[in-house]
N, C-alpha and C. Protein backbone atom coordinates (compact mmCIF):
# COMPACT_ATOMS: atom_id res chain seq x y z
N MET A 1 182.10 283.48 -127.32
CA MET A 1 183.21 282.66 -128.24
C MET A 1 182.93 283.05 -129.85
N GLY A 2 181.90 282.91 -130.35
CA GLY A 2 181.52 282.63 -131.72
C GLY A 2 181.37 281.32 -131.96
N LEU A 3 181.17 281.22 -133.62
CA LEU A 3 181.28 279.96 -134.56
C LEU A 3 182.56 279.05 -134.25
N LEU A 4 183.36 280.05 -134.71
CA LEU A 4 184.82 279.14 -134.39
C LEU A 4 185.72 279.62 -133.04
N GLY A 5 184.99 279.51 -132.05
CA GLY A 5 185.51 279.94 -130.74
C GLY A 5 186.72 279.61 -130.16
N ASN A 6 186.95 278.00 -130.68
CA ASN A 6 188.08 277.39 -129.84
C ASN A 6 188.31 276.23 -131.12
N SER A 7 189.35 275.54 -130.79
CA SER A 7 190.07 274.88 -131.67
C SER A 7 189.18 273.47 -132.02
N ILE A 8 188.55 273.48 -130.71
CA ILE A 8 187.71 271.86 -131.23
C ILE A 8 186.70 272.31 -132.23
N ASP A 9 185.99 273.28 -131.94
CA ASP A 9 185.22 273.89 -132.84
C ASP A 9 185.58 274.02 -134.29
N TRP A 10 186.65 274.43 -134.55
CA TRP A 10 187.05 274.89 -135.64
C TRP A 10 187.74 273.46 -136.42
N LEU A 11 188.09 272.44 -135.62
CA LEU A 11 188.38 271.29 -136.09
C LEU A 11 186.98 270.54 -136.50
N ILE A 12 186.06 270.40 -135.97
CA ILE A 12 184.79 269.97 -136.07
C ILE A 12 184.17 270.50 -137.45
N PHE A 13 184.44 272.16 -137.43
CA PHE A 13 184.08 272.77 -139.02
C PHE A 13 184.74 272.11 -140.10
N LEU A 14 186.34 272.26 -139.91
CA LEU A 14 187.05 271.83 -140.96
C LEU A 14 187.04 270.34 -141.46
N ILE A 15 186.84 269.31 -140.57
CA ILE A 15 186.42 268.12 -141.24
C ILE A 15 184.98 268.08 -141.83
N GLY A 16 183.90 268.82 -141.17
CA GLY A 16 182.81 268.80 -141.96
C GLY A 16 182.68 269.18 -143.22
N ASN A 17 183.16 270.52 -143.24
CA ASN A 17 183.67 271.36 -144.88
C ASN A 17 184.41 270.11 -145.74
N VAL A 18 185.49 269.78 -145.16
CA VAL A 18 186.12 268.77 -145.92
C VAL A 18 185.22 267.63 -146.58
N THR A 19 184.62 267.20 -145.75
CA THR A 19 183.66 266.01 -145.91
C THR A 19 182.90 266.17 -147.23
N ILE A 20 182.07 267.49 -146.58
CA ILE A 20 180.85 268.06 -147.93
C ILE A 20 181.51 268.55 -149.56
N TRP A 21 182.57 269.01 -149.33
CA TRP A 21 183.40 269.59 -150.54
C TRP A 21 183.99 268.09 -151.30
N GLY A 22 184.17 267.21 -150.40
CA GLY A 22 184.98 266.13 -150.91
C GLY A 22 183.48 265.27 -151.73
N LEU A 23 182.39 265.17 -151.02
CA LEU A 23 181.35 264.71 -151.36
C LEU A 23 180.71 265.11 -152.58
N ILE A 24 180.80 266.55 -153.07
CA ILE A 24 180.24 267.55 -154.20
C ILE A 24 181.45 267.18 -155.45
N ALA A 25 182.65 266.79 -155.10
CA ALA A 25 183.49 266.48 -156.02
C ALA A 25 183.37 265.08 -156.34
N PHE A 26 182.86 264.30 -155.51
CA PHE A 26 182.44 262.91 -155.94
C PHE A 26 181.31 262.46 -157.02
N ILE A 27 180.37 263.54 -156.65
CA ILE A 27 178.92 263.52 -157.19
C ILE A 27 179.57 264.44 -158.71
N LEU A 28 180.23 265.32 -158.83
CA LEU A 28 180.44 265.99 -159.97
C LEU A 28 181.23 265.20 -160.98
N VAL A 29 182.24 264.41 -160.20
CA VAL A 29 183.32 263.75 -161.43
C VAL A 29 182.44 262.47 -161.95
N GLN A 30 181.36 262.07 -160.91
CA GLN A 30 180.61 260.62 -161.16
C GLN A 30 179.65 261.48 -162.28
N VAL A 31 178.93 262.16 -162.13
CA VAL A 31 177.99 262.79 -163.28
C VAL A 31 178.63 263.12 -164.24
N LEU A 32 179.79 263.71 -164.49
CA LEU A 32 180.84 264.15 -165.66
C LEU A 32 180.88 262.91 -166.40
N ILE A 33 181.21 261.88 -165.76
CA ILE A 33 181.82 260.55 -166.15
C ILE A 33 180.27 259.66 -166.88
N GLN A 34 179.56 259.74 -166.21
CA GLN A 34 178.47 258.84 -166.34
C GLN A 34 177.74 259.38 -167.73
N PHE A 35 177.67 261.06 -167.88
CA PHE A 35 176.89 261.28 -169.34
C PHE A 35 178.19 261.63 -169.94
N GLU A 36 179.33 261.04 -169.90
CA GLU A 36 180.47 260.92 -170.86
C GLU A 36 180.76 262.49 -171.58
N ILE A 37 180.68 263.48 -170.30
CA ILE A 37 181.18 264.47 -171.02
C ILE A 37 182.56 264.44 -170.61
N ILE A 38 183.11 263.79 -169.78
CA ILE A 38 184.64 263.43 -169.40
C ILE A 38 184.49 261.92 -169.96
N PRO A 39 185.13 261.54 -170.75
CA PRO A 39 185.08 260.67 -171.64
C PRO A 39 185.49 259.37 -170.59
N ARG A 40 185.25 258.11 -170.75
CA ARG A 40 184.95 256.89 -169.80
C ARG A 40 186.74 256.45 -169.67
N SER A 41 187.68 256.85 -170.81
CA SER A 41 188.81 256.68 -171.31
C SER A 41 190.09 257.75 -170.45
N ASN A 42 189.52 258.55 -169.78
CA ASN A 42 190.32 259.75 -169.57
C ASN A 42 190.61 259.11 -168.04
N GLN A 43 192.12 258.36 -168.09
CA GLN A 43 192.71 258.03 -167.02
C GLN A 43 192.60 258.80 -165.52
N PRO A 44 193.05 260.11 -165.62
CA PRO A 44 192.89 260.79 -164.17
C PRO A 44 191.80 261.05 -164.00
N ALA A 45 190.59 261.17 -164.68
CA ALA A 45 189.18 261.30 -163.99
C ALA A 45 188.83 259.95 -163.20
N ARG A 46 189.19 259.03 -163.91
CA ARG A 46 188.74 257.72 -163.53
C ARG A 46 189.47 257.37 -162.19
N GLN A 47 190.90 257.74 -161.79
CA GLN A 47 191.76 257.89 -160.68
C GLN A 47 190.99 258.59 -159.68
N LEU A 48 190.46 260.20 -159.74
CA LEU A 48 190.16 260.79 -159.18
C LEU A 48 188.55 260.27 -158.54
N TRP A 49 187.88 259.71 -159.56
CA TRP A 49 186.44 258.71 -159.08
C TRP A 49 186.74 257.91 -158.08
N SER A 50 187.96 257.14 -158.68
CA SER A 50 187.93 255.84 -157.88
C SER A 50 188.68 255.87 -156.52
N GLN A 51 189.20 257.19 -156.36
CA GLN A 51 189.77 257.26 -155.09
C GLN A 51 188.63 258.06 -153.85
N LEU A 52 187.56 258.89 -154.66
CA LEU A 52 186.77 259.42 -153.76
C LEU A 52 185.71 258.00 -153.33
N ALA A 53 185.48 257.59 -154.65
CA ALA A 53 184.63 256.05 -154.31
C ALA A 53 185.11 255.39 -153.24
N ARG A 54 186.27 255.14 -152.88
CA ARG A 54 186.86 254.52 -152.06
C ARG A 54 186.48 255.39 -150.60
N ILE A 55 186.54 256.75 -150.37
CA ILE A 55 186.37 257.33 -149.19
C ILE A 55 184.81 257.36 -148.83
N TYR A 56 184.13 257.66 -150.16
CA TYR A 56 182.56 258.03 -149.60
C TYR A 56 181.44 256.63 -149.93
N ASP A 57 181.85 255.71 -150.47
CA ASP A 57 181.10 254.75 -150.78
C ASP A 57 180.54 254.05 -149.25
N PRO A 58 181.84 253.62 -148.77
CA PRO A 58 181.40 253.20 -147.20
C PRO A 58 180.21 253.88 -146.74
N LEU A 59 180.31 255.33 -146.88
CA LEU A 59 179.42 256.22 -146.12
C LEU A 59 177.84 256.14 -146.73
N LEU A 60 178.10 255.65 -148.02
CA LEU A 60 176.68 256.29 -148.99
C LEU A 60 176.12 254.73 -148.92
N ARG A 61 176.68 253.52 -148.98
CA ARG A 61 176.39 252.54 -148.86
C ARG A 61 175.07 252.09 -147.84
N PRO A 62 175.10 252.33 -146.68
CA PRO A 62 174.10 252.16 -146.22
C PRO A 62 172.47 253.03 -146.27
N LEU A 63 173.03 254.24 -146.65
CA LEU A 63 171.72 254.83 -147.11
C LEU A 63 171.51 254.46 -148.15
N ARG A 64 171.85 254.24 -149.15
CA ARG A 64 171.37 253.29 -150.77
C ARG A 64 170.80 252.34 -150.61
N ARG A 65 170.78 251.68 -149.31
CA ARG A 65 170.05 250.42 -149.35
C ARG A 65 168.55 250.85 -148.59
N VAL A 66 168.69 251.97 -148.13
CA VAL A 66 167.38 252.29 -147.37
C VAL A 66 166.71 253.52 -148.16
N LEU A 67 167.32 254.41 -148.73
CA LEU A 67 166.62 255.06 -149.77
C LEU A 67 165.97 254.76 -150.99
N PRO A 68 165.07 254.99 -151.59
CA PRO A 68 164.37 254.48 -152.82
C PRO A 68 165.53 254.96 -153.79
N PHE A 69 165.62 254.48 -154.78
CA PHE A 69 166.26 254.98 -156.06
C PHE A 69 165.27 255.26 -157.31
N PHE A 70 165.43 256.54 -157.89
CA PHE A 70 164.89 257.31 -158.76
C PHE A 70 165.33 257.45 -160.02
N GLY A 71 165.19 256.05 -160.32
CA GLY A 71 165.88 256.27 -162.15
C GLY A 71 167.59 256.10 -162.28
N GLY A 72 167.87 257.22 -162.68
CA GLY A 72 169.50 257.56 -162.73
C GLY A 72 169.71 258.66 -161.64
N PHE A 73 168.82 258.89 -160.43
CA PHE A 73 169.00 259.64 -160.04
C PHE A 73 169.23 259.21 -158.14
N ASP A 74 170.34 259.45 -157.42
CA ASP A 74 170.78 258.90 -156.54
C ASP A 74 170.62 260.18 -155.62
N LEU A 75 169.57 259.82 -154.41
CA LEU A 75 169.35 260.56 -153.18
C LEU A 75 170.63 260.68 -152.14
N SER A 76 171.01 259.42 -151.93
CA SER A 76 172.24 259.25 -151.12
C SER A 76 173.36 260.22 -150.64
N PRO A 77 173.83 260.66 -151.53
CA PRO A 77 174.94 261.85 -151.20
C PRO A 77 174.26 263.04 -150.92
N MET A 78 172.87 263.36 -151.20
CA MET A 78 172.52 264.82 -150.66
C MET A 78 172.05 264.29 -148.95
N VAL A 79 171.40 263.29 -149.05
CA VAL A 79 171.27 262.96 -147.71
C VAL A 79 172.32 262.97 -146.46
N LEU A 80 173.24 262.58 -147.32
CA LEU A 80 174.60 262.39 -146.52
C LEU A 80 175.27 263.84 -146.16
N ILE A 81 175.10 264.76 -147.19
CA ILE A 81 175.45 266.26 -147.02
C ILE A 81 174.62 266.87 -146.06
N PHE A 82 173.26 266.57 -145.86
CA PHE A 82 172.93 267.43 -145.13
C PHE A 82 172.61 266.63 -143.61
N GLY A 83 173.16 265.35 -143.43
CA GLY A 83 173.38 264.82 -142.22
C GLY A 83 174.96 265.18 -141.52
N VAL A 84 176.08 265.60 -142.36
CA VAL A 84 177.18 265.93 -141.95
C VAL A 84 176.72 267.40 -141.54
N ILE A 85 176.36 268.37 -142.23
CA ILE A 85 175.52 269.51 -141.61
C ILE A 85 175.09 269.52 -140.32
N ILE A 86 174.11 268.59 -140.25
CA ILE A 86 173.36 268.54 -138.80
C ILE A 86 174.33 268.16 -137.74
N LEU A 87 175.21 266.87 -137.77
CA LEU A 87 175.93 266.36 -136.89
C LEU A 87 177.06 267.54 -136.82
N ARG A 88 177.54 268.28 -138.04
CA ARG A 88 178.46 269.42 -137.58
C ARG A 88 177.88 270.50 -136.47
N SER A 89 176.89 271.09 -136.84
CA SER A 89 176.21 271.82 -136.01
C SER A 89 175.84 271.94 -134.67
N LEU A 90 175.50 270.13 -134.53
CA LEU A 90 175.39 269.65 -133.10
C LEU A 90 176.54 269.51 -132.40
N LEU A 91 177.66 268.95 -132.99
CA LEU A 91 179.10 268.75 -132.33
C LEU A 91 179.16 270.38 -131.92
N ILE A 92 179.28 271.20 -132.78
CA ILE A 92 179.87 272.41 -132.40
C ILE A 92 179.01 273.28 -131.34
N GLU A 93 177.78 272.46 -131.28
CA GLU A 93 177.01 273.22 -130.03
C GLU A 93 177.27 272.94 -128.78
N ILE A 94 177.58 271.44 -128.95
CA ILE A 94 177.69 270.44 -127.84
C ILE A 94 179.19 271.15 -127.14
N PHE A 95 180.23 271.38 -127.88
CA PHE A 95 181.62 271.76 -127.41
C PHE A 95 181.75 273.42 -127.60
């Protein structure tokens, strides 16, 4: 049947990809604001970051409690991305 053989596989693949790309956008906006490439006074960027934080912080918070913090480098988004990829692959394999 292939990787996207039925609608359940397609839905799992789509949700996984949206989650991964949303996390990447969250990380990029956070880094751009943190290093002031985008000024903190930029209202659209702050609103985007705030909305993405509402979505992804509940998923990242438990990982941040467990993972060590390396100065200004947060590993939890990378771990979550790898977790989503693994979970997506397992679910597609099951269905």
